[in-house]
Amino acid sequence: MTERSEGDKTLYEHKILSTGQAIAYGLPNAGLQAILGILVSFTLLFYINIMGQPPILVGGIFSAGLVFYAIMCIIGGAIADKVGKKKVMLISGPLAELFGIPLLFIIVLYLQFASVVITWYFTDIKKIIHEESKLEKIAKEEEIRLRPEQIEL
């Protein structure tokens, strides 16, 4: 960015990055985003398939995190409007890269895991899931008893 003065006004000319430069600036963050994306995907699969949580509950928990993120973006924008975007970016950019973003995702993953574990142990979901599996097992046994001619030896 170059500075040019015209009378009382200071004008800034912005240099547009080439595609290669933009990619080079974005590459360091790509690995972190890929790792976090994989963690979130496996976390979803863990909650739904292994913990047996309903997909609507797990989706609601993840959506709540995104709503919190959206609200914080609005608050951050208001602070940037009052203080100035350069000051906010100079302070929050490095701090977010070092502490905020990875730490935030780790905290959110732990909170989501804790909420699923709390839901699993302190509600009747565990009991309901075990009863459903028992009923399915009984239904399969009755089906076999009702149709013995279909069983191949």
C-alpha atoms as a PDB file:
ATOM      1  CA  MET A   1       0.000   0.000   0.000  1.00  0.00           C
ATOM      2  CA  THR A   2       1.472   3.316  -0.997  1.00  0.00           C
ATOM      3  CA  GLU A   3       0.573   6.696   0.439  1.00  0.00           C
ATOM      4  CA  ARG A   4      -0.133   9.762  -1.678  1.00  0.00           C
ATOM      5  CA  SER A   5      -1.133  13.234  -0.458  1.00  0.00           C
ATOM      6  CA  GLU A   6      -3.494  15.621  -2.190  1.00  0.00           C
ATOM      7  CA  GLY A   7      -3.842  18.797  -0.204  1.00  0.00           C
ATOM      8  CA  ASP A   8      -5.338  17.946   3.190  1.00  0.00           C
ATOM      9  CA  LYS A   9      -6.269  14.393   2.255  1.00  0.00           C
ATOM     10  CA  THR A  10      -4.082  11.330   2.367  1.00  0.00           C
ATOM     11  CA  LEU A  11      -4.999   8.735  -0.218  1.00  0.00           C
ATOM     12  CA  TYR A  12      -3.947   5.107  -0.138  1.00  0.00           C
ATOM     13  CA  GLU A  13      -3.409   3.003  -3.206  1.00  0.00           C
ATOM     14  CA  HIS A  14      -3.950  -0.699  -2.534  1.00  0.00           C
ATOM     15  CA  LYS A  15      -1.771  -3.227  -4.269  1.00  0.00           C
ATOM     16  CA  ILE A  16      -3.748  -6.210  -5.508  1.00  0.00           C
ATOM     17  CA  LEU A  17      -2.110  -9.566  -4.853  1.00  0.00           C
ATOM     18  CA  SER A  18      -1.636 -12.044  -7.635  1.00  0.00           C
ATOM     19  CA  THR A  19      -3.271 -15.449  -7.306  1.00  0.00           C
ATOM     20  CA  GLY A  20       0.059 -17.072  -6.435  1.00  0.00           C
ATOM     21  CA  GLN A  21       0.753 -14.527  -3.693  1.00  0.00           C
ATOM     22  CA  ALA A  22      -2.729 -14.958  -2.238  1.00  0.00           C
ATOM     23  CA  ILE A  23      -2.284 -18.735  -2.171  1.00  0.00           C
ATOM     24  CA  ALA A  24       1.158 -18.377  -0.562  1.00  0.00           C
ATOM     25  CA  TYR A  25      -0.280 -16.190   2.185  1.00  0.00           C
ATOM     26  CA  GLY A  26      -3.129 -18.639   2.828  1.00  0.00           C
ATOM     27  CA  LEU A  27      -1.146 -21.901   2.813  1.00  0.00           C
ATOM     28  CA  PRO A  28       0.084 -21.813   6.429  1.00  0.00           C
ATOM     29  CA  ASN A  29      -3.493 -21.752   7.677  1.00  0.00           C
ATOM     30  CA  ALA A  30      -4.668 -24.504   5.312  1.00  0.00           C
ATOM     31  CA  GLY A  31      -3.082 -27.330   7.343  1.00  0.00           C
ATOM     32  CA  LEU A  32      -4.697 -26.170  10.574  1.00  0.00           C
ATOM     33  CA  GLN A  33      -8.090 -25.859   8.913  1.00  0.00           C
ATOM     34  CA  ALA A  34      -7.767 -29.338   7.395  1.00  0.00           C
ATOM     35  CA  ILE A  35      -6.903 -30.862  10.770  1.00  0.00           C
ATOM     36  CA  LEU A  36      -9.802 -29.096  12.466  1.00  0.00           C
ATOM     37  CA  GLY A  37     -12.193 -30.162   9.705  1.00  0.00           C
ATOM     38  CA  ILE A  38     -11.149 -33.794  10.115  1.00  0.00           C
ATOM     39  CA  LEU A  39     -11.499 -33.566  13.914  1.00  0.00           C
ATOM     40  CA  VAL A  40     -14.997 -32.132  13.631  1.00  0.00           C
ATOM     41  CA  SER A  41     -16.037 -34.831  11.138  1.00  0.00           C
ATOM     42  CA  PHE A  42     -14.773 -37.657  13.328  1.00  0.00           C
ATOM     43  CA  THR A  43     -16.291 -36.029  16.394  1.00  0.00           C
ATOM     44  CA  LEU A  44     -19.688 -36.021  14.685  1.00  0.00           C
ATOM     45  CA  LEU A  45     -19.300 -39.676  13.731  1.00  0.00           C
ATOM     46  CA  PHE A  46     -18.208 -40.553  17.284  1.00  0.00           C
ATOM     47  CA  TYR A  47     -21.208 -38.848  18.889  1.00  0.00           C
ATOM     48  CA  ILE A  48     -23.748 -40.319  16.491  1.00  0.00           C
ATOM     49  CA  ASN A  49     -22.420 -43.842  15.836  1.00  0.00           C
ATOM     50  CA  ILE A  50     -20.547 -44.754  19.017  1.00  0.00           C
ATOM     51  CA  MET A  51     -22.224 -42.682  21.722  1.00  0.00           C
ATOM     52  CA  GLY A  52     -25.622 -43.254  20.123  1.00  0.00           C
ATOM     53  CA  GLN A  53     -26.735 -39.636  20.343  1.00  0.00           C
ATOM     54  CA  PRO A  54     -29.523 -38.477  18.056  1.00  0.00           C
ATOM     55  CA  PRO A  55     -28.173 -36.577  15.043  1.00  0.00           C
ATOM     56  CA  ILE A  56     -30.524 -33.668  15.776  1.00  0.00           C
ATOM     57  CA  LEU A  57     -28.954 -33.228  19.226  1.00  0.00           C
ATOM     58  CA  VAL A  58     -25.404 -33.374  17.924  1.00  0.00           C
ATOM     59  CA  GLY A  59     -26.252 -30.994  15.093  1.00  0.00           C
ATOM     60  CA  GLY A  60     -27.814 -28.609  17.586  1.00  0.00           C
ATOM     61  CA  ILE A  61     -24.679 -28.613  19.719  1.00  0.00           C
ATOM     62  CA  PHE A  62     -22.447 -27.881  16.735  1.00  0.00           C
ATOM     63  CA  SER A  63     -24.877 -25.225  15.483  1.00  0.00           C
ATOM     64  CA  ALA A  64     -24.815 -23.513  18.870  1.00  0.00           C
ATOM     65  CA  GLY A  65     -21.057 -23.128  18.484  1.00  0.00           C
ATOM     66  CA  LEU A  66     -21.524 -21.516  15.088  1.00  0.00           C
ATOM     67  CA  VAL A  67     -24.165 -19.138  16.469  1.00  0.00           C
ATOM     68  CA  PHE A  68     -21.710 -18.128  19.224  1.00  0.00           C
ATOM     69  CA  TYR A  69     -19.070 -17.531  16.553  1.00  0.00           C
ATOM     70  CA  ALA A  70     -21.470 -15.333  14.550  1.00  0.00           C
ATOM     71  CA  ILE A  71     -22.329 -13.252  17.626  1.00  0.00           C
ATOM     72  CA  MET A  72     -18.644 -12.801  18.444  1.00  0.00           C
ATOM     73  CA  CYS A  73     -18.003 -11.635  14.867  1.00  0.00           C
ATOM     74  CA  ILE A  74     -20.615  -8.905  15.297  1.00  0.00           C
ATOM     75  CA  ILE A  75     -19.066  -7.813  18.603  1.00  0.00           C
ATOM     76  CA  GLY A  76     -15.576  -7.858  17.074  1.00  0.00           C
ATOM     77  CA  GLY A  77     -16.816  -5.759  14.149  1.00  0.00           C
ATOM     78  CA  ALA A  78     -18.297  -3.173  16.503  1.00  0.00           C
ATOM     79  CA  ILE A  79     -15.002  -2.959  18.409  1.00  0.00           C
ATOM     80  CA  ALA A  80     -13.114  -2.571  15.126  1.00  0.00           C
ATOM     81  CA  ASP A  81     -15.441   0.268  14.087  1.00  0.00           C
ATOM     82  CA  LYS A  82     -14.770   2.147  17.330  1.00  0.00           C
ATOM     83  CA  VAL A  83     -11.043   1.484  17.801  1.00  0.00           C
ATOM     84  CA  GLY A  84      -9.991   1.103  14.191  1.00  0.00           C
ATOM     85  CA  LYS A  85      -9.542  -1.993  12.113  1.00  0.00           C
ATOM     86  CA  LYS A  86      -5.764  -1.726  11.897  1.00  0.00           C
ATOM     87  CA  LYS A  87      -5.306  -1.689  15.663  1.00  0.00           C
ATOM     88  CA  VAL A  88      -7.729  -4.550  16.150  1.00  0.00           C
ATOM     89  CA  MET A  89      -6.070  -6.634  13.428  1.00  0.00           C
ATOM     90  CA  LEU A  90      -2.566  -5.898  14.729  1.00  0.00           C
ATOM     91  CA  ILE A  91      -3.544  -7.036  18.206  1.00  0.00           C
ATOM     92  CA  SER A  92      -6.096  -9.776  17.585  1.00  0.00           C
ATOM     93  CA  GLY A  93      -4.569 -11.365  14.482  1.00  0.00           C
ATOM     94  CA  PRO A  94      -1.404 -12.766  16.041  1.00  0.00           C
ATOM     95  CA  LEU A  95      -3.186 -13.581  19.303  1.00  0.00           C
ATOM     96  CA  ALA A  96      -5.929 -15.440  17.466  1.00  0.00           C
ATOM     97  CA  GLU A  97      -3.422 -17.460  15.451  1.00  0.00           C
ATOM     98  CA  LEU A  98      -1.339 -18.339  18.484  1.00  0.00           C
ATOM     99  CA  PHE A  99      -3.992 -18.902  21.120  1.00  0.00           C
ATOM    100  CA  GLY A 100      -7.520 -18.191  20.005  1.00  0.00           C
ATOM    101  CA  ILE A 101      -8.422 -20.325  17.040  1.00  0.00           C
ATOM    102  CA  PRO A 102      -6.793 -23.656  17.991  1.00  0.00           C
ATOM    103  CA  LEU A 103      -7.636 -23.188  21.647  1.00  0.00           C
ATOM    104  CA  LEU A 104     -11.208 -22.210  20.829  1.00  0.00           C
ATOM    105  CA  PHE A 105     -11.737 -25.330  18.730  1.00  0.00           C
ATOM    106  CA  ILE A 106     -10.164 -27.547  21.384  1.00  0.00           C
ATOM    107  CA  ILE A 107     -12.364 -26.003  24.089  1.00  0.00           C
ATOM    108  CA  VAL A 108     -15.467 -26.361  21.929  1.00  0.00           C
ATOM    109  CA  LEU A 109     -14.652 -30.021  21.204  1.00  0.00           C
ATOM    110  CA  TYR A 110     -14.170 -30.738  24.914  1.00  0.00           C
ATOM    111  CA  LEU A 111     -17.408 -28.939  25.797  1.00  0.00           C
ATOM    112  CA  GLN A 112     -19.289 -30.864  23.138  1.00  0.00           C
ATOM    113  CA  PHE A 113     -17.809 -34.145  24.348  1.00  0.00           C
ATOM    114  CA  ALA A 114     -18.682 -33.246  27.953  1.00  0.00           C
ATOM    115  CA  SER A 115     -22.251 -32.364  27.004  1.00  0.00           C
ATOM    116  CA  VAL A 116     -22.694 -35.689  25.221  1.00  0.00           C
ATOM    117  CA  VAL A 117     -21.235 -37.629  28.148  1.00  0.00           C
ATOM    118  CA  ILE A 118     -23.427 -35.725  30.616  1.00  0.00           C
ATOM    119  CA  THR A 119     -26.468 -36.349  28.446  1.00  0.00           C
ATOM    120  CA  TRP A 120     -25.547 -40.042  28.144  1.00  0.00           C
ATOM    121  CA  TYR A 121     -25.103 -40.692  31.872  1.00  0.00           C
ATOM    122  CA  PHE A 122     -27.624 -38.341  33.469  1.00  0.00           C
ATOM    123  CA  THR A 123     -30.637 -38.901  31.233  1.00  0.00           C
ATOM    124  CA  ASP A 124     -32.614 -41.946  30.173  1.00  0.00           C
ATOM    125  CA  ILE A 125     -31.083 -42.028  26.689  1.00  0.00           C
ATOM    126  CA  LYS A 126     -28.724 -44.844  27.701  1.00  0.00           C
ATOM    127  CA  LYS A 127     -31.631 -46.865  29.082  1.00  0.00           C
ATOM    128  CA  ILE A 128     -33.771 -46.224  26.006  1.00  0.00           C
ATOM    129  CA  ILE A 129     -31.009 -47.282  23.630  1.00  0.00           C
ATOM    130  CA  HIS A 130     -30.382 -50.507  25.572  1.00  0.00           C
ATOM    131  CA  GLU A 131     -34.125 -51.274  25.651  1.00  0.00           C
ATOM    132  CA  GLU A 132     -34.380 -50.685  21.912  1.00  0.00           C
ATOM    133  CA  SER A 133     -31.487 -53.046  21.248  1.00  0.00           C
ATOM    134  CA  LYS A 134     -33.108 -55.701  23.487  1.00  0.00           C
ATOM    135  CA  LEU A 135     -36.415 -55.302  21.637  1.00  0.00           C
ATOM    136  CA  GLU A 136     -34.651 -55.673  18.289  1.00  0.00           C
ATOM    137  CA  LYS A 137     -32.912 -58.818  19.516  1.00  0.00           C
ATOM    138  CA  ILE A 138     -36.230 -60.299  20.743  1.00  0.00           C
ATOM    139  CA  ALA A 139     -37.910 -59.416  17.436  1.00  0.00           C
ATOM    140  CA  LYS A 140     -35.171 -61.221  15.493  1.00  0.00           C
ATOM    141  CA  GLU A 141     -35.479 -64.303  17.714  1.00  0.00           C
ATOM    142  CA  GLU A 142     -39.266 -64.385  17.238  1.00  0.00           C
ATOM    143  CA  GLU A 143     -38.870 -64.048  13.494  1.00  0.00           C
ATOM    144  CA  ILE A 144     -36.522 -67.049  13.440  1.00  0.00           C
ATOM    145  CA  ARG A 145     -38.934 -69.117  15.562  1.00  0.00           C
ATOM    146  CA  LEU A 146     -41.888 -68.249  13.372  1.00  0.00           C
ATOM    147  CA  ARG A 147     -40.216 -69.297  10.127  1.00  0.00           C
ATOM    148  CA  PRO A 148     -37.931 -72.288  10.748  1.00  0.00           C
ATOM    149  CA  GLU A 149     -38.364 -73.525   7.163  1.00  0.00           C
ATOM    150  CA  GLN A 150     -36.426 -70.514   5.868  1.00  0.00           C
ATOM    151  CA  ILE A 151     -33.320 -71.327   7.874  1.00  0.00           C
ATOM    152  CA  GLU A 152     -30.679 -72.986   5.733  1.00  0.00           C
ATOM    153  CA  LEU A 153     -28.601 -75.720   7.305  1.00  0.00           C
END
